[in-house]
Amino acid sequence: MKREIELHKNVDVPTLGPKSDLKGADNSFIKFTHTGFEADAAQTTVPFIDIQPVYTVPAVPLKSIGIRYKQNNPYGGFITPIIQTYDYSALLPIKFPSFDIKKDKLMSRIRN
């Protein structure tokens, strides 16, 4: 069953707010609406669509792609593309050595 993500009653333009956090879960949806009458005179459609490029460097196999909603109340939020990469480390029969950067930097200073 799909669950609707409801917006705050008097949302403002998303670009005016601080960094947004991912909201919602699988099988959720959001309806486009207008900003609040008090905040923006209901003249802007929200949520905005985030068109930043999404990619990995270096290129790696993808586990999934999708879209999510990110928001910070009381701002309208963004619909943004997401990607998830596949983690091959569990399949590798190699034990990687642990490395504590703080401890190892300290030890190299003591030795010098």
N, C-alpha and C. Protein backbone atom coordinates (compact mmCIF):
# COMPACT_ATOMS: atom_id res chain seq x y z
N MET A 1 0.84 -1.18 0.00
CA MET A 1 0.00 0.00 0.00
C MET A 1 0.89 1.25 0.00
N LYS A 2 0.58 2.19 -0.86
CA LYS A 2 1.38 3.41 -0.95
C LYS A 2 0.95 4.40 0.12
N ARG A 3 1.94 5.14 0.63
CA ARG A 3 1.70 6.13 1.68
C ARG A 3 2.05 7.51 1.15
N GLU A 4 1.15 8.47 1.35
CA GLU A 4 1.39 9.83 0.88
C GLU A 4 2.27 10.60 1.86
N ILE A 5 3.24 11.32 1.32
CA ILE A 5 4.06 12.23 2.11
C ILE A 5 3.34 13.57 2.09
N GLU A 6 2.92 14.03 3.25
CA GLU A 6 2.16 15.28 3.30
C GLU A 6 3.07 16.44 3.62
N LEU A 7 2.83 17.56 2.93
CA LEU A 7 3.59 18.77 3.14
C LEU A 7 2.99 19.61 4.26
N HIS A 8 3.84 20.40 4.89
CA HIS A 8 3.42 21.38 5.89
C HIS A 8 2.37 22.29 5.27
N LYS A 9 1.47 22.86 6.04
CA LYS A 9 0.38 23.69 5.51
C LYS A 9 0.86 24.96 4.81
N ASN A 10 1.91 25.60 5.33
CA ASN A 10 2.35 26.88 4.80
C ASN A 10 3.81 26.79 4.33
N VAL A 11 4.08 25.91 3.36
CA VAL A 11 5.45 25.70 2.91
C VAL A 11 5.97 26.90 2.14
N ASP A 12 7.29 27.08 2.19
CA ASP A 12 7.94 28.18 1.50
C ASP A 12 8.79 27.62 0.35
N VAL A 13 9.36 28.49 -0.44
CA VAL A 13 10.18 28.10 -1.59
C VAL A 13 11.38 27.29 -1.10
N PRO A 14 11.62 26.08 -1.63
CA PRO A 14 12.67 25.19 -1.13
C PRO A 14 14.08 25.76 -1.20
N THR A 15 14.37 26.61 -2.18
CA THR A 15 15.72 27.13 -2.33
C THR A 15 16.08 28.15 -1.24
N LEU A 16 15.11 28.59 -0.46
CA LEU A 16 15.37 29.53 0.63
C LEU A 16 15.79 28.83 1.91
N GLY A 17 15.58 27.54 1.98
CA GLY A 17 15.84 26.79 3.20
C GLY A 17 17.25 26.24 3.31
N PRO A 18 17.57 25.67 4.49
CA PRO A 18 18.87 25.02 4.67
C PRO A 18 18.92 23.68 3.93
N LYS A 19 20.01 22.98 4.08
CA LYS A 19 20.18 21.68 3.43
C LYS A 19 19.01 20.76 3.75
N SER A 20 18.55 20.04 2.74
CA SER A 20 17.39 19.17 2.90
C SER A 20 17.81 17.75 3.28
N ASP A 21 16.94 17.05 3.98
CA ASP A 21 17.16 15.65 4.36
C ASP A 21 16.20 14.76 3.60
N LEU A 22 16.64 13.53 3.30
CA LEU A 22 15.75 12.59 2.62
C LEU A 22 14.57 12.24 3.52
N LYS A 23 13.39 12.23 2.95
CA LYS A 23 12.16 11.90 3.69
C LYS A 23 11.46 10.76 2.97
N GLY A 24 10.48 10.21 3.61
CA GLY A 24 9.68 9.17 2.99
C GLY A 24 10.37 7.82 3.00
N ALA A 25 9.69 6.85 2.47
CA ALA A 25 10.19 5.48 2.44
C ALA A 25 9.76 4.85 1.13
N ASP A 26 10.07 3.58 0.98
CA ASP A 26 9.63 2.87 -0.21
C ASP A 26 8.11 2.91 -0.29
N ASN A 27 7.61 2.88 -1.50
CA ASN A 27 6.16 2.90 -1.76
C ASN A 27 5.47 4.13 -1.20
N SER A 28 6.14 5.28 -1.24
CA SER A 28 5.49 6.51 -0.82
C SER A 28 5.40 7.45 -2.02
N PHE A 29 4.51 8.41 -1.94
CA PHE A 29 4.33 9.36 -3.04
C PHE A 29 4.04 10.74 -2.47
N ILE A 30 4.21 11.76 -3.31
CA ILE A 30 3.93 13.13 -2.92
C ILE A 30 3.17 13.80 -4.05
N LYS A 31 2.23 14.65 -3.70
CA LYS A 31 1.48 15.39 -4.70
C LYS A 31 2.07 16.79 -4.85
N PHE A 32 2.16 17.26 -6.10
CA PHE A 32 2.59 18.63 -6.33
C PHE A 32 1.49 19.56 -5.87
N THR A 33 1.88 20.67 -5.29
CA THR A 33 0.92 21.65 -4.79
C THR A 33 1.56 23.04 -4.89
N HIS A 34 0.98 24.01 -4.25
CA HIS A 34 1.52 25.38 -4.26
C HIS A 34 2.14 25.68 -2.90
N THR A 35 2.97 26.72 -2.87
CA THR A 35 3.50 27.18 -1.60
C THR A 35 2.38 27.81 -0.79
N GLY A 36 2.65 28.11 0.46
CA GLY A 36 1.64 28.66 1.34
C GLY A 36 1.24 30.08 0.98
N PHE A 37 0.04 30.44 1.33
CA PHE A 37 -0.46 31.79 1.05
C PHE A 37 0.32 32.84 1.85
N GLU A 38 0.63 32.54 3.12
CA GLU A 38 1.37 33.49 3.95
C GLU A 38 2.84 33.54 3.55
N ALA A 39 3.42 32.41 3.21
CA ALA A 39 4.86 32.34 2.92
C ALA A 39 5.23 32.92 1.57
N ASP A 40 4.39 32.63 0.54
CA ASP A 40 4.81 32.98 -0.82
C ASP A 40 3.63 33.40 -1.70
N ALA A 41 2.51 33.69 -1.10
CA ALA A 41 1.29 34.05 -1.82
C ALA A 41 0.86 32.96 -2.80
N ALA A 42 1.20 31.72 -2.49
CA ALA A 42 0.80 30.54 -3.27
C ALA A 42 1.16 30.66 -4.75
N GLN A 43 2.32 31.25 -5.05
CA GLN A 43 2.67 31.48 -6.45
C GLN A 43 3.71 30.51 -7.01
N THR A 44 4.18 29.56 -6.21
CA THR A 44 5.21 28.63 -6.66
C THR A 44 4.75 27.20 -6.49
N THR A 45 5.02 26.36 -7.49
CA THR A 45 4.69 24.93 -7.40
C THR A 45 5.80 24.21 -6.66
N VAL A 46 5.44 23.40 -5.70
CA VAL A 46 6.40 22.59 -4.95
C VAL A 46 5.94 21.15 -4.92
N PRO A 47 6.82 20.17 -4.76
CA PRO A 47 8.27 20.30 -4.60
C PRO A 47 8.95 20.60 -5.93
N PHE A 48 10.16 21.18 -5.82
CA PHE A 48 10.98 21.42 -7.00
C PHE A 48 11.59 20.09 -7.46
N ILE A 49 12.08 20.06 -8.68
CA ILE A 49 12.77 18.87 -9.19
C ILE A 49 14.26 19.19 -9.23
N ASP A 50 15.04 18.40 -8.53
CA ASP A 50 16.49 18.57 -8.44
C ASP A 50 17.11 18.00 -9.71
N ILE A 51 17.81 18.84 -10.48
CA ILE A 51 18.38 18.36 -11.75
C ILE A 51 19.90 18.27 -11.71
N GLN A 52 20.48 18.18 -10.51
CA GLN A 52 21.92 18.00 -10.41
C GLN A 52 22.31 16.63 -10.97
N PRO A 53 23.46 16.54 -11.65
CA PRO A 53 23.88 15.23 -12.16
C PRO A 53 24.20 14.27 -11.01
N VAL A 54 23.88 13.01 -11.20
CA VAL A 54 24.14 11.97 -10.20
C VAL A 54 25.00 10.90 -10.86
N TYR A 55 26.19 10.68 -10.33
CA TYR A 55 27.10 9.70 -10.91
C TYR A 55 28.13 9.29 -9.87
N THR A 56 28.88 8.24 -10.16
CA THR A 56 29.94 7.79 -9.28
C THR A 56 31.29 7.99 -9.96
N VAL A 57 32.30 8.28 -9.15
CA VAL A 57 33.67 8.39 -9.65
C VAL A 57 34.54 7.55 -8.73
N PRO A 58 35.14 6.50 -9.21
CA PRO A 58 35.10 5.99 -10.58
C PRO A 58 33.77 5.29 -10.86
N ALA A 59 33.53 5.00 -12.12
CA ALA A 59 32.29 4.31 -12.50
C ALA A 59 32.28 2.92 -11.88
N VAL A 60 31.17 2.56 -11.26
CA VAL A 60 31.01 1.24 -10.63
C VAL A 60 29.63 0.70 -10.97
N PRO A 61 29.43 -0.62 -10.84
CA PRO A 61 28.10 -1.18 -11.11
C PRO A 61 27.05 -0.62 -10.15
N LEU A 62 25.86 -0.41 -10.66
CA LEU A 62 24.78 0.13 -9.85
C LEU A 62 23.90 -0.99 -9.31
N LYS A 63 23.48 -0.83 -8.07
CA LYS A 63 22.54 -1.75 -7.45
C LYS A 63 21.10 -1.33 -7.77
N SER A 64 20.85 0.00 -7.70
CA SER A 64 19.52 0.49 -8.01
C SER A 64 19.56 1.98 -8.33
N ILE A 65 18.52 2.43 -9.00
CA ILE A 65 18.31 3.85 -9.25
C ILE A 65 16.87 4.18 -8.87
N GLY A 66 16.63 5.42 -8.57
CA GLY A 66 15.27 5.78 -8.20
C GLY A 66 15.16 7.27 -7.96
N ILE A 67 14.03 7.66 -7.42
CA ILE A 67 13.82 9.05 -7.03
C ILE A 67 13.35 9.07 -5.59
N ARG A 68 13.73 10.12 -4.88
CA ARG A 68 13.33 10.28 -3.48
C ARG A 68 12.93 11.73 -3.26
N TYR A 69 12.28 11.96 -2.17
CA TYR A 69 11.87 13.31 -1.78
C TYR A 69 12.77 13.76 -0.64
N LYS A 70 13.33 14.97 -0.75
CA LYS A 70 14.12 15.52 0.34
C LYS A 70 13.55 16.87 0.73
N GLN A 71 13.54 17.15 2.03
CA GLN A 71 12.87 18.34 2.52
C GLN A 71 13.41 18.75 3.87
N ASN A 72 13.23 20.01 4.22
CA ASN A 72 13.50 20.53 5.55
C ASN A 72 12.34 21.47 5.87
N ASN A 73 11.50 21.11 6.84
CA ASN A 73 10.32 21.93 7.17
C ASN A 73 10.76 23.33 7.55
N PRO A 74 10.02 24.33 7.22
CA PRO A 74 8.75 24.40 6.50
C PRO A 74 8.92 24.73 5.02
N TYR A 75 9.91 24.16 4.36
CA TYR A 75 10.16 24.44 2.94
C TYR A 75 9.61 23.30 2.09
N GLY A 76 9.29 23.60 0.83
CA GLY A 76 8.58 22.67 -0.05
C GLY A 76 9.33 21.42 -0.47
N GLY A 77 10.65 21.44 -0.46
CA GLY A 77 11.43 20.26 -0.75
C GLY A 77 11.73 20.05 -2.23
N PHE A 78 12.43 18.94 -2.49
CA PHE A 78 12.89 18.59 -3.84
C PHE A 78 12.63 17.12 -4.11
N ILE A 79 12.33 16.81 -5.35
CA ILE A 79 12.33 15.42 -5.81
C ILE A 79 13.68 15.24 -6.47
N THR A 80 14.43 14.25 -6.03
CA THR A 80 15.81 14.11 -6.47
C THR A 80 16.11 12.67 -6.92
N PRO A 81 16.92 12.51 -7.96
CA PRO A 81 17.33 11.16 -8.36
C PRO A 81 18.37 10.62 -7.38
N ILE A 82 18.36 9.32 -7.17
CA ILE A 82 19.36 8.68 -6.31
C ILE A 82 19.89 7.44 -7.01
N ILE A 83 21.10 7.07 -6.66
CA ILE A 83 21.68 5.80 -7.12
C ILE A 83 22.27 5.09 -5.92
N GLN A 84 22.28 3.77 -5.98
CA GLN A 84 22.94 2.96 -4.96
C GLN A 84 23.89 2.03 -5.69
N THR A 85 25.11 1.95 -5.17
CA THR A 85 26.11 1.09 -5.80
C THR A 85 26.16 -0.25 -5.09
N TYR A 86 26.64 -1.23 -5.80
CA TYR A 86 26.75 -2.57 -5.24
C TYR A 86 28.06 -2.68 -4.46
N ASP A 87 28.01 -3.24 -3.27
CA ASP A 87 29.19 -3.40 -2.43
C ASP A 87 29.76 -4.81 -2.62
N TYR A 88 30.87 -4.88 -3.34
CA TYR A 88 31.51 -6.17 -3.61
C TYR A 88 32.40 -6.65 -2.47
N SER A 89 32.68 -5.82 -1.49
CA SER A 89 33.65 -6.18 -0.46
C SER A 89 33.27 -7.45 0.31
N ALA A 90 31.99 -7.73 0.48
CA ALA A 90 31.56 -8.93 1.20
C ALA A 90 31.90 -10.20 0.41
N LEU A 91 32.05 -10.08 -0.90
CA LEU A 91 32.34 -11.24 -1.73
C LEU A 91 33.83 -11.52 -1.91
N LEU A 92 34.66 -10.59 -1.48
CA LEU A 92 36.10 -10.75 -1.64
C LEU A 92 36.67 -11.61 -0.51
N PRO A 93 37.48 -12.62 -0.83
CA PRO A 93 38.04 -13.48 0.21
C PRO A 93 39.29 -12.89 0.86
N ILE A 94 39.46 -11.60 0.80
CA ILE A 94 40.65 -10.95 1.32
C ILE A 94 40.29 -10.23 2.62
N LYS A 95 41.14 -10.36 3.62
CA LYS A 95 40.97 -9.61 4.85
C LYS A 95 41.83 -8.34 4.74
N PHE A 96 41.17 -7.20 4.74
CA PHE A 96 41.90 -5.95 4.64
C PHE A 96 42.41 -5.55 6.02
N PRO A 97 43.63 -5.04 6.10
CA PRO A 97 44.15 -4.63 7.42
C PRO A 97 43.40 -3.41 7.93
N SER A 98 43.21 -3.36 9.22
CA SER A 98 42.55 -2.19 9.79
C SER A 98 43.57 -1.08 9.89
N PHE A 99 43.11 0.14 9.78
CA PHE A 99 44.00 1.28 9.79
C PHE A 99 43.35 2.39 10.59
N ASP A 100 43.98 2.78 11.66
CA ASP A 100 43.49 3.88 12.48
C ASP A 100 44.35 5.10 12.15
N ILE A 101 43.79 6.03 11.39
CA ILE A 101 44.58 7.15 10.89
C ILE A 101 45.14 8.01 12.01
N LYS A 102 44.39 8.23 13.07
CA LYS A 102 44.88 9.04 14.18
C LYS A 102 46.04 8.35 14.88
N LYS A 103 45.89 7.09 15.20
CA LYS A 103 46.93 6.33 15.90
C LYS A 103 48.18 6.21 15.03
N ASP A 104 48.02 5.87 13.75
CA ASP A 104 49.16 5.67 12.87
C ASP A 104 49.90 6.98 12.59
N LYS A 105 49.21 8.10 12.50
CA LYS A 105 49.88 9.39 12.34
C LYS A 105 50.69 9.72 13.59
N LEU A 106 50.11 9.45 14.76
CA LEU A 106 50.79 9.72 16.01
C LEU A 106 52.05 8.86 16.13
N MET A 107 51.96 7.58 15.78
CA MET A 107 53.10 6.68 15.86
C MET A 107 54.20 7.11 14.90
N SER A 108 53.87 7.59 13.71
CA SER A 108 54.90 8.02 12.75
C SER A 108 55.60 9.28 13.26
N ARG A 109 54.90 10.15 13.98
CA ARG A 109 55.52 11.34 14.57
C ARG A 109 56.46 10.96 15.70
N ILE A 110 56.08 9.99 16.50
CA ILE A 110 56.92 9.56 17.62
C ILE A 110 58.21 8.92 17.10
N ARG A 111 58.10 8.13 16.03
CA ARG A 111 59.27 7.45 15.48
C ARG A 111 60.26 8.44 14.85
N ASN A 112 59.76 9.55 14.34
CA ASN A 112 60.64 10.53 13.69
C ASN A 112 61.16 11.45 14.70
